């Protein structure tokens, strides 16, 4: 039992102070931060203020609900 702590300290130093261990230890928080940053970036790119509309090729929707400029364009295309 006398040699347990020196052996444990030796193994700890031998494994923990390797470049590969330190690299892997630091890569996990970096990967998490990168994933969160990428998520924020992609979410910010999705803000789109362009209008959304319907394409009514079957003329099922009510024409009276269209704005005047859309109604004139719609009438010119489908008449």
PDB file of N, CA and C in Angstrom:
ATOM      1  N   UNK A   1       0.819  -1.198   0.000  1.00  0.00           N
ATOM      2  CA  UNK A   1       0.000   0.000   0.000  1.00  0.00           C
ATOM      3  C   UNK A   1       0.864   1.263   0.000  1.00  0.00           C
ATOM      4  N   UNK A   2       2.131   1.113   0.439  1.00  0.00           N
ATOM      5  CA  UNK A   2       3.024   2.271   0.465  1.00  0.00           C
ATOM      6  C   UNK A   2       3.304   2.815  -0.930  1.00  0.00           C
ATOM      7  N   UNK A   3       3.312   1.958  -1.929  1.00  0.00           N
ATOM      8  CA  UNK A   3       3.673   2.359  -3.290  1.00  0.00           C
ATOM      9  C   UNK A   3       2.463   2.807  -4.113  1.00  0.00           C
ATOM     10  N   UNK A   4       1.259   2.775  -3.557  1.00  0.00           N
ATOM     11  CA  UNK A   4       0.050   3.112  -4.305  1.00  0.00           C
ATOM     12  C   UNK A   4       0.061   4.562  -4.770  1.00  0.00           C
ATOM     13  N   UNK A   5       0.306   5.499  -3.883  1.00  0.00           N
ATOM     14  CA  UNK A   5       0.250   6.918  -4.246  1.00  0.00           C
ATOM     15  C   UNK A   5       1.371   7.329  -5.197  1.00  0.00           C
ATOM     16  N   UNK A   6       2.578   6.879  -5.026  1.00  0.00           N
ATOM     17  CA  UNK A   6       3.595   7.224  -6.038  1.00  0.00           C
ATOM     18  C   UNK A   6       3.292   6.638  -7.421  1.00  0.00           C
ATOM     19  N   UNK A   7       2.769   5.423  -7.444  1.00  0.00           N
ATOM     20  CA  UNK A   7       2.412   4.822  -8.733  1.00  0.00           C
ATOM     21  C   UNK A   7       1.246   5.584  -9.363  1.00  0.00           C
ATOM     22  N   UNK A   8       0.249   5.936  -8.558  1.00  0.00           N
ATOM     23  CA  UNK A   8      -0.898   6.701  -9.066  1.00  0.00           C
ATOM     24  C   UNK A   8      -0.445   8.063  -9.578  1.00  0.00           C
ATOM     25  N   UNK A   9       0.433   8.752  -8.852  1.00  0.00           N
ATOM     26  CA  UNK A   9       0.936  10.057  -9.288  1.00  0.00           C
ATOM     27  C   UNK A   9       1.733   9.919 -10.579  1.00  0.00           C
ATOM     28  N   UNK A  10       2.543   8.871 -10.691  1.00  0.00           N
ATOM     29  CA  UNK A  10       3.326   8.643 -11.899  1.00  0.00           C
ATOM     30  C   UNK A  10       2.406   8.412 -13.098  1.00  0.00           C
ATOM     31  N   UNK A  11       1.411   7.575 -12.938  1.00  0.00           N
ATOM     32  CA  UNK A  11       0.482   7.281 -14.031  1.00  0.00           C
ATOM     33  C   UNK A  11      -0.324   8.518 -14.406  1.00  0.00           C
ATOM     34  N   UNK A  12      -0.721   9.284 -13.408  1.00  0.00           N
ATOM     35  CA  UNK A  12      -1.468  10.517 -13.669  1.00  0.00           C
ATOM     36  C   UNK A  12      -0.618  11.465 -14.508  1.00  0.00           C
ATOM     37  N   UNK A  13       0.607  11.733 -14.077  1.00  0.00           N
ATOM     38  CA  UNK A  13       1.489  12.647 -14.812  1.00  0.00           C
ATOM     39  C   UNK A  13       1.801  12.109 -16.206  1.00  0.00           C
ATOM     40  N   UNK A  14       2.008  10.819 -16.310  1.00  0.00           N
ATOM     41  CA  UNK A  14       2.359  10.231 -17.598  1.00  0.00           C
ATOM     42  C   UNK A  14       1.221  10.368 -18.606  1.00  0.00           C
ATOM     43  N   UNK A  15      -0.010  10.243 -18.146  1.00  0.00           N
ATOM     44  CA  UNK A  15      -1.149  10.288 -19.065  1.00  0.00           C
ATOM     45  C   UNK A  15      -1.719  11.692 -19.255  1.00  0.00           C
ATOM     46  N   UNK A  16      -1.781  12.475 -18.198  1.00  0.00           N
ATOM     47  CA  UNK A  16      -2.452  13.773 -18.265  1.00  0.00           C
ATOM     48  C   UNK A  16      -1.606  14.813 -18.976  1.00  0.00           C
ATOM     49  N   UNK A  17      -0.304  14.749 -18.878  1.00  0.00           N
ATOM     50  CA  UNK A  17       0.533  15.777 -19.473  1.00  0.00           C
ATOM     51  C   UNK A  17       0.990  15.449 -20.892  1.00  0.00           C
ATOM     52  N   UNK A  18       0.361  14.485 -21.520  1.00  0.00           N
ATOM     53  CA  UNK A  18       0.626  14.199 -22.929  1.00  0.00           C
ATOM     54  C   UNK A  18      -0.044  15.274 -23.786  1.00  0.00           C
ATOM     55  N   UNK A  19       0.558  15.575 -24.910  1.00  0.00           N
ATOM     56  CA  UNK A  19      -0.030  16.557 -25.815  1.00  0.00           C
ATOM     57  C   UNK A  19      -1.388  16.086 -26.339  1.00  0.00           C
ATOM     58  N   UNK A  20      -1.505  14.811 -26.611  1.00  0.00           N
ATOM     59  CA  UNK A  20      -2.768  14.296 -27.149  1.00  0.00           C
ATOM     60  C   UNK A  20      -3.895  14.407 -26.125  1.00  0.00           C
ATOM     61  N   UNK A  21      -3.588  14.175 -24.841  1.00  0.00           N
ATOM     62  CA  UNK A  21      -4.622  14.290 -23.811  1.00  0.00           C
ATOM     63  C   UNK A  21      -5.074  15.737 -23.669  1.00  0.00           C
ATOM     64  N   UNK A  22      -4.132  16.650 -23.651  1.00  0.00           N
ATOM     65  CA  UNK A  22      -4.475  18.068 -23.517  1.00  0.00           C
ATOM     66  C   UNK A  22      -5.253  18.546 -24.735  1.00  0.00           C
ATOM     67  N   UNK A  23      -4.856  18.094 -25.911  1.00  0.00           N
ATOM     68  CA  UNK A  23      -5.573  18.462 -27.134  1.00  0.00           C
ATOM     69  C   UNK A  23      -7.013  17.953 -27.093  1.00  0.00           C
ATOM     70  N   UNK A  24      -7.202  16.714 -26.719  1.00  0.00           N
ATOM     71  CA  UNK A  24      -8.561  16.163 -26.644  1.00  0.00           C
ATOM     72  C   UNK A  24      -9.371  16.828 -25.549  1.00  0.00           C
ATOM     73  N   UNK A  25      -8.734  17.153 -24.451  1.00  0.00           N
ATOM     74  CA  UNK A  25      -9.427  17.812 -23.345  1.00  0.00           C
ATOM     75  C   UNK A  25      -9.927  19.183 -23.764  1.00  0.00           C
ATOM     76  N   UNK A  26      -9.138  19.915 -24.530  1.00  0.00           N
ATOM     77  CA  UNK A  26      -9.531  21.253 -24.963  1.00  0.00           C
ATOM     78  C   UNK A  26     -10.434  21.234 -26.188  1.00  0.00           C
ATOM     79  N   UNK A  27     -10.413  20.151 -26.948  1.00  0.00           N
ATOM     80  CA  UNK A  27     -11.228  20.099 -28.155  1.00  0.00           C
ATOM     81  C   UNK A  27     -12.716  19.917 -27.839  1.00  0.00           C
ATOM     82  N   UNK A  28     -13.040  19.308 -26.731  1.00  0.00           N
ATOM     83  CA  UNK A  28     -14.461  19.099 -26.390  1.00  0.00           C
ATOM     84  C   UNK A  28     -15.169  20.428 -26.140  1.00  0.00           C
ATOM     85  N   UNK A  29     -14.657  21.316 -25.271  1.00  0.00           N
ATOM     86  CA  UNK A  29     -15.341  22.614 -25.119  1.00  0.00           C
ATOM     87  C   UNK A  29     -15.324  23.449 -26.400  1.00  0.00           C
ATOM     88  N   UNK A  30     -14.233  23.341 -27.177  1.00  0.00           N
ATOM     89  CA  UNK A  30     -14.187  24.066 -28.445  1.00  0.00           C
ATOM     90  C   UNK A  30     -15.276  23.571 -29.386  1.00  0.00           C
ATOM     91  N   UNK A  31     -15.463  22.267 -29.478  1.00  0.00           N
ATOM     92  CA  UNK A  31     -16.504  21.709 -30.344  1.00  0.00           C
ATOM     93  C   UNK A  31     -17.893  22.134 -29.877  1.00  0.00           C
ATOM     94  N   UNK A  32     -18.121  22.153 -28.574  1.00  0.00           N
ATOM     95  CA  UNK A  32     -19.425  22.588 -28.045  1.00  0.00           C
ATOM     96  C   UNK A  32     -19.659  24.060 -28.368  1.00  0.00           C
ATOM     97  N   UNK A  33     -18.631  24.901 -28.154  1.00  0.00           N
ATOM     98  CA  UNK A  33     -18.768  26.327 -28.464  1.00  0.00           C
ATOM     99  C   UNK A  33     -18.984  26.544 -29.961  1.00  0.00           C
ATOM    100  N   UNK A  34     -18.283  25.781 -30.792  1.00  0.00           N
ATOM    101  CA  UNK A  34     -18.460  25.882 -32.235  1.00  0.00           C
ATOM    102  C   UNK A  34     -19.879  25.485 -32.647  1.00  0.00           C
ATOM    103  N   UNK A  35     -20.405  24.429 -32.043  1.00  0.00           N
ATOM    104  CA  UNK A  35     -21.771  23.981 -32.369  1.00  0.00           C
ATOM    105  C   UNK A  35     -22.803  25.027 -31.967  1.00  0.00           C
ATOM    106  N   UNK A  36     -22.635  25.603 -30.799  1.00  0.00           N
ATOM    107  CA  UNK A  36     -23.568  26.635 -30.346  1.00  0.00           C
ATOM    108  C   UNK A  36     -23.468  27.867 -31.244  1.00  0.00           C
ATOM    109  N   UNK A  37     -22.243  28.279 -31.569  1.00  0.00           N
ATOM    110  CA  UNK A  37     -22.061  29.427 -32.458  1.00  0.00           C
ATOM    111  C   UNK A  37     -22.643  29.194 -33.831  1.00  0.00           C
ATOM    112  N   UNK A  38     -22.454  27.999 -34.370  1.00  0.00           N
ATOM    113  CA  UNK A  38     -23.027  27.666 -35.670  1.00  0.00           C
ATOM    114  C   UNK A  38     -24.554  27.685 -35.611  1.00  0.00           C
ATOM    115  N   UNK A  39     -25.124  27.192 -34.515  1.00  0.00           N
ATOM    116  CA  UNK A  39     -26.580  27.226 -34.351  1.00  0.00           C
ATOM    117  C   UNK A  39     -27.112  28.646 -34.313  1.00  0.00           C
ATOM    118  N   UNK A  40     -26.442  29.530 -33.575  1.00  0.00           N
ATOM    119  CA  UNK A  40     -26.855  30.937 -33.530  1.00  0.00           C
ATOM    120  C   UNK A  40     -26.724  31.592 -34.905  1.00  0.00           C
ATOM    121  N   UNK A  41     -25.632  31.287 -35.601  1.00  0.00           N
ATOM    122  CA  UNK A  41     -25.435  31.874 -36.926  1.00  0.00           C
ATOM    123  C   UNK A  41     -26.528  31.413 -37.895  1.00  0.00           C
ATOM    124  N   UNK A  42     -26.818  30.123 -37.915  1.00  0.00           N
ATOM    125  CA  UNK A  42     -27.845  29.617 -38.829  1.00  0.00           C
ATOM    126  C   UNK A  42     -29.221  30.137 -38.469  1.00  0.00           C
ATOM    127  N   UNK A  43     -29.489  30.285 -37.191  1.00  0.00           N
ATOM    128  CA  UNK A  43     -30.783  30.825 -36.770  1.00  0.00           C
ATOM    129  C   UNK A  43     -30.921  32.283 -37.179  1.00  0.00           C
ATOM    130  N   UNK A  44     -29.844  33.052 -37.095  1.00  0.00           N
ATOM    131  CA  UNK A  44     -29.917  34.463 -37.477  1.00  0.00           C
ATOM    132  C   UNK A  44     -30.093  34.625 -38.982  1.00  0.00           C
ATOM    133  N   UNK A  45     -29.618  33.669 -39.765  1.00  0.00           N
ATOM    134  CA  UNK A  45     -29.761  33.753 -41.213  1.00  0.00           C
ATOM    135  C   UNK A  45     -31.172  33.397 -41.671  1.00  0.00           C
ATOM    136  N   UNK A  46     -32.005  32.827 -40.803  1.00  0.00           N
ATOM    137  CA  UNK A  46     -33.342  32.410 -41.205  1.00  0.00           C
ATOM    138  C   UNK A  46     -34.369  33.519 -41.087  1.00  0.00           C
ATOM    139  N   UNK A  47     -34.016  34.640 -40.508  1.00  0.00           N
ATOM    140  CA  UNK A  47     -34.962  35.747 -40.404  1.00  0.00           C
ATOM    141  C   UNK A  47     -35.191  36.320 -41.792  1.00  0.00           C
ATOM    142  N   UNK A  48     -36.327  36.024 -42.351  1.00  0.00           N
ATOM    143  CA  UNK A  48     -36.639  36.435 -43.710  1.00  0.00           C
ATOM    144  C   UNK A  48     -37.921  37.249 -43.663  1.00  0.00           C
ATOM    145  N   UNK A  49     -37.850  38.499 -44.077  1.00  0.00           N
ATOM    146  CA  UNK A  49     -39.026  39.363 -44.015  1.00  0.00           C
ATOM    147  C   UNK A  49     -39.777  39.410 -45.337  1.00  0.00           C
ATOM    148  N   UNK A  50     -39.416  38.559 -46.275  1.00  0.00           N
ATOM    149  CA  UNK A  50     -40.128  38.534 -47.546  1.00  0.00           C
ATOM    150  C   UNK A  50     -41.533  37.979 -47.353  1.00  0.00           C
ATOM    151  N   UNK A  51     -42.497  38.484 -48.115  1.00  0.00           N
ATOM    152  CA  UNK A  51     -43.870  37.991 -47.949  1.00  0.00           C
ATOM    153  C   UNK A  51     -44.015  36.555 -48.445  1.00  0.00           C
ATOM    154  N   UNK A  52     -44.960  35.882 -47.850  1.00  0.00           N
ATOM    155  CA  UNK A  52     -45.273  34.509 -48.219  1.00  0.00           C
ATOM    156  C   UNK A  52     -46.628  34.528 -48.908  1.00  0.00           C
ATOM    157  N   UNK A  53     -46.783  33.784 -49.963  1.00  0.00           N
ATOM    158  CA  UNK A  53     -48.048  33.796 -50.684  1.00  0.00           C
ATOM    159  C   UNK A  53     -48.405  32.420 -51.208  1.00  0.00           C
ATOM    160  N   UNK A  54     -49.540  32.367 -51.885  1.00  0.00           N
ATOM    161  CA  UNK A  54     -50.030  31.124 -52.464  1.00  0.00           C
ATOM    162  C   UNK A  54     -49.997  31.243 -53.979  1.00  0.00           C
ATOM    163  N   UNK A  55     -49.771  30.133 -54.627  1.00  0.00           N
ATOM    164  CA  UNK A  55     -49.882  30.068 -56.077  1.00  0.00           C
ATOM    165  C   UNK A  55     -51.171  29.314 -56.354  1.00  0.00           C
ATOM    166  N   UNK A  56     -52.141  30.046 -56.895  1.00  0.00           N
ATOM    167  CA  UNK A  56     -53.471  29.484 -57.089  1.00  0.00           C
ATOM    168  C   UNK A  56     -53.712  29.231 -58.573  1.00  0.00           C
ATOM    169  N   UNK A  57     -53.180  28.144 -59.082  1.00  0.00           N
ATOM    170  CA  UNK A  57     -53.375  27.810 -60.489  1.00  0.00           C
ATOM    171  C   UNK A  57     -54.799  27.339 -60.761  1.00  0.00           C
ATOM    172  N   UNK A  58     -55.496  26.855 -59.759  1.00  0.00           N
ATOM    173  CA  UNK A  58     -56.847  26.336 -59.955  1.00  0.00           C
ATOM    174  C   UNK A  58     -57.917  27.403 -59.762  1.00  0.00           C
ATOM    175  N   UNK A  59     -57.491  28.610 -59.378  1.00  0.00           N
ATOM    176  CA  UNK A  59     -58.427  29.730 -59.132  1.00  0.00           C
ATOM    177  C   UNK A  59     -59.470  29.385 -58.080  1.00  0.00           C
ATOM    178  N   UNK A  60     -59.010  28.814 -56.991  1.00  0.00           N
ATOM    179  CA  UNK A  60     -59.902  28.420 -55.914  1.00  0.00           C
ATOM    180  C   UNK A  60     -60.039  29.537 -54.885  1.00  0.00           C
ATOM    181  N   UNK A  61     -59.015  30.315 -54.683  1.00  0.00           N
ATOM    182  CA  UNK A  61     -59.033  31.359 -53.659  1.00  0.00           C
ATOM    183  C   UNK A  61     -59.893  32.536 -54.090  1.00  0.00           C
ATOM    184  N   UNK A  62     -60.355  33.265 -53.114  1.00  0.00           N
ATOM    185  CA  UNK A  62     -61.239  34.407 -53.340  1.00  0.00           C
ATOM    186  C   UNK A  62     -60.436  35.574 -53.929  1.00  0.00           C
ATOM    187  N   UNK A  63     -60.857  36.070 -55.098  1.00  0.00           N
ATOM    188  CA  UNK A  63     -60.142  37.161 -55.757  1.00  0.00           C
ATOM    189  C   UNK A  63     -60.296  38.480 -55.026  1.00  0.00           C
ATOM    190  N   UNK A  64     -61.345  38.670 -54.280  1.00  0.00           N
ATOM    191  CA  UNK A  64     -61.586  39.958 -53.623  1.00  0.00           C
ATOM    192  C   UNK A  64     -60.591  40.208 -52.486  1.00  0.00           C
ATOM    193  N   UNK A  65     -59.913  39.196 -52.018  1.00  0.00           N
ATOM    194  CA  UNK A  65     -58.957  39.363 -50.926  1.00  0.00           C
ATOM    195  C   UNK A  65     -57.575  39.757 -51.428  1.00  0.00           C
ATOM    196  N   UNK A  66     -57.387  39.813 -52.735  1.00  0.00           N
ATOM    197  CA  UNK A  66     -56.106  40.183 -53.300  1.00  0.00           C
ATOM    198  C   UNK A  66     -55.937  41.696 -53.314  1.00  0.00           C
ATOM    199  N   UNK A  67     -54.721  42.160 -53.211  1.00  0.00           N
ATOM    200  CA  UNK A  67     -54.456  43.588 -53.329  1.00  0.00           C
ATOM    201  C   UNK A  67     -54.672  43.998 -54.789  1.00  0.00           C
ATOM    202  N   UNK A  68     -54.916  45.277 -55.033  1.00  0.00           N
ATOM    203  CA  UNK A  68     -55.210  45.703 -56.415  1.00  0.00           C
ATOM    204  C   UNK A  68     -54.084  45.400 -57.404  1.00  0.00           C
ATOM    205  N   UNK A  69     -52.825  45.600 -57.012  1.00  0.00           N
ATOM    206  CA  UNK A  69     -51.747  45.343 -57.969  1.00  0.00           C
ATOM    207  C   UNK A  69     -51.594  43.853 -58.237  1.00  0.00           C
ATOM    208  N   UNK A  70     -51.816  43.023 -57.230  1.00  0.00           N
ATOM    209  CA  UNK A  70     -51.740  41.575 -57.430  1.00  0.00           C
ATOM    210  C   UNK A  70     -52.933  41.115 -58.253  1.00  0.00           C
ATOM    211  N   UNK A  71     -54.089  41.709 -58.025  1.00  0.00           N
ATOM    212  CA  UNK A  71     -55.295  41.321 -58.763  1.00  0.00           C
ATOM    213  C   UNK A  71     -55.142  41.649 -60.243  1.00  0.00           C
ATOM    214  N   UNK A  72     -54.561  42.824 -60.560  1.00  0.00           N
ATOM    215  CA  UNK A  72     -54.382  43.179 -61.969  1.00  0.00           C
ATOM    216  C   UNK A  72     -53.348  42.266 -62.627  1.00  0.00           C
ATOM    217  N   UNK A  73     -52.283  41.942 -61.923  1.00  0.00           N
ATOM    218  CA  UNK A  73     -51.286  41.037 -62.474  1.00  0.00           C
ATOM    219  C   UNK A  73     -51.874  39.628 -62.636  1.00  0.00           C
ATOM    220  N   UNK A  74     -52.667  39.214 -61.662  1.00  0.00           N
ATOM    221  CA  UNK A  74     -53.291  37.900 -61.696  1.00  0.00           C
ATOM    222  C   UNK A  74     -54.278  37.796 -62.847  1.00  0.00           C
ATOM    223  N   UNK A  75     -55.045  38.875 -63.046  1.00  0.00           N
ATOM    224  CA  UNK A  75     -56.028  38.872 -64.128  1.00  0.00           C
ATOM    225  C   UNK A  75     -55.329  38.852 -65.488  1.00  0.00           C
ATOM    226  N   UNK A  76     -54.199  39.539 -65.588  1.00  0.00           N
ATOM    227  CA  UNK A  76     -53.478  39.567 -66.868  1.00  0.00           C
ATOM    228  C   UNK A  76     -52.878  38.195 -67.169  1.00  0.00           C
ATOM    229  N   UNK A  77     -52.423  37.493 -66.173  1.00  0.00           N
ATOM    230  CA  UNK A  77     -51.800  36.190 -66.402  1.00  0.00           C
ATOM    231  C   UNK A  77     -52.822  35.108 -66.717  1.00  0.00           C
ATOM    232  N   UNK A  78     -53.952  35.138 -66.046  1.00  0.00           N
ATOM    233  CA  UNK A  78     -54.909  34.010 -66.134  1.00  0.00           C
ATOM    234  C   UNK A  78     -56.162  34.324 -66.942  1.00  0.00           C
ATOM    235  N   UNK A  79     -56.162  35.388 -67.707  1.00  0.00           N
ATOM    236  CA  UNK A  79     -57.369  35.650 -68.495  1.00  0.00           C
ATOM    237  C   UNK A  79     -57.151  35.332 -69.953  1.00  0.00           C
TER     238      UNK A  79
END
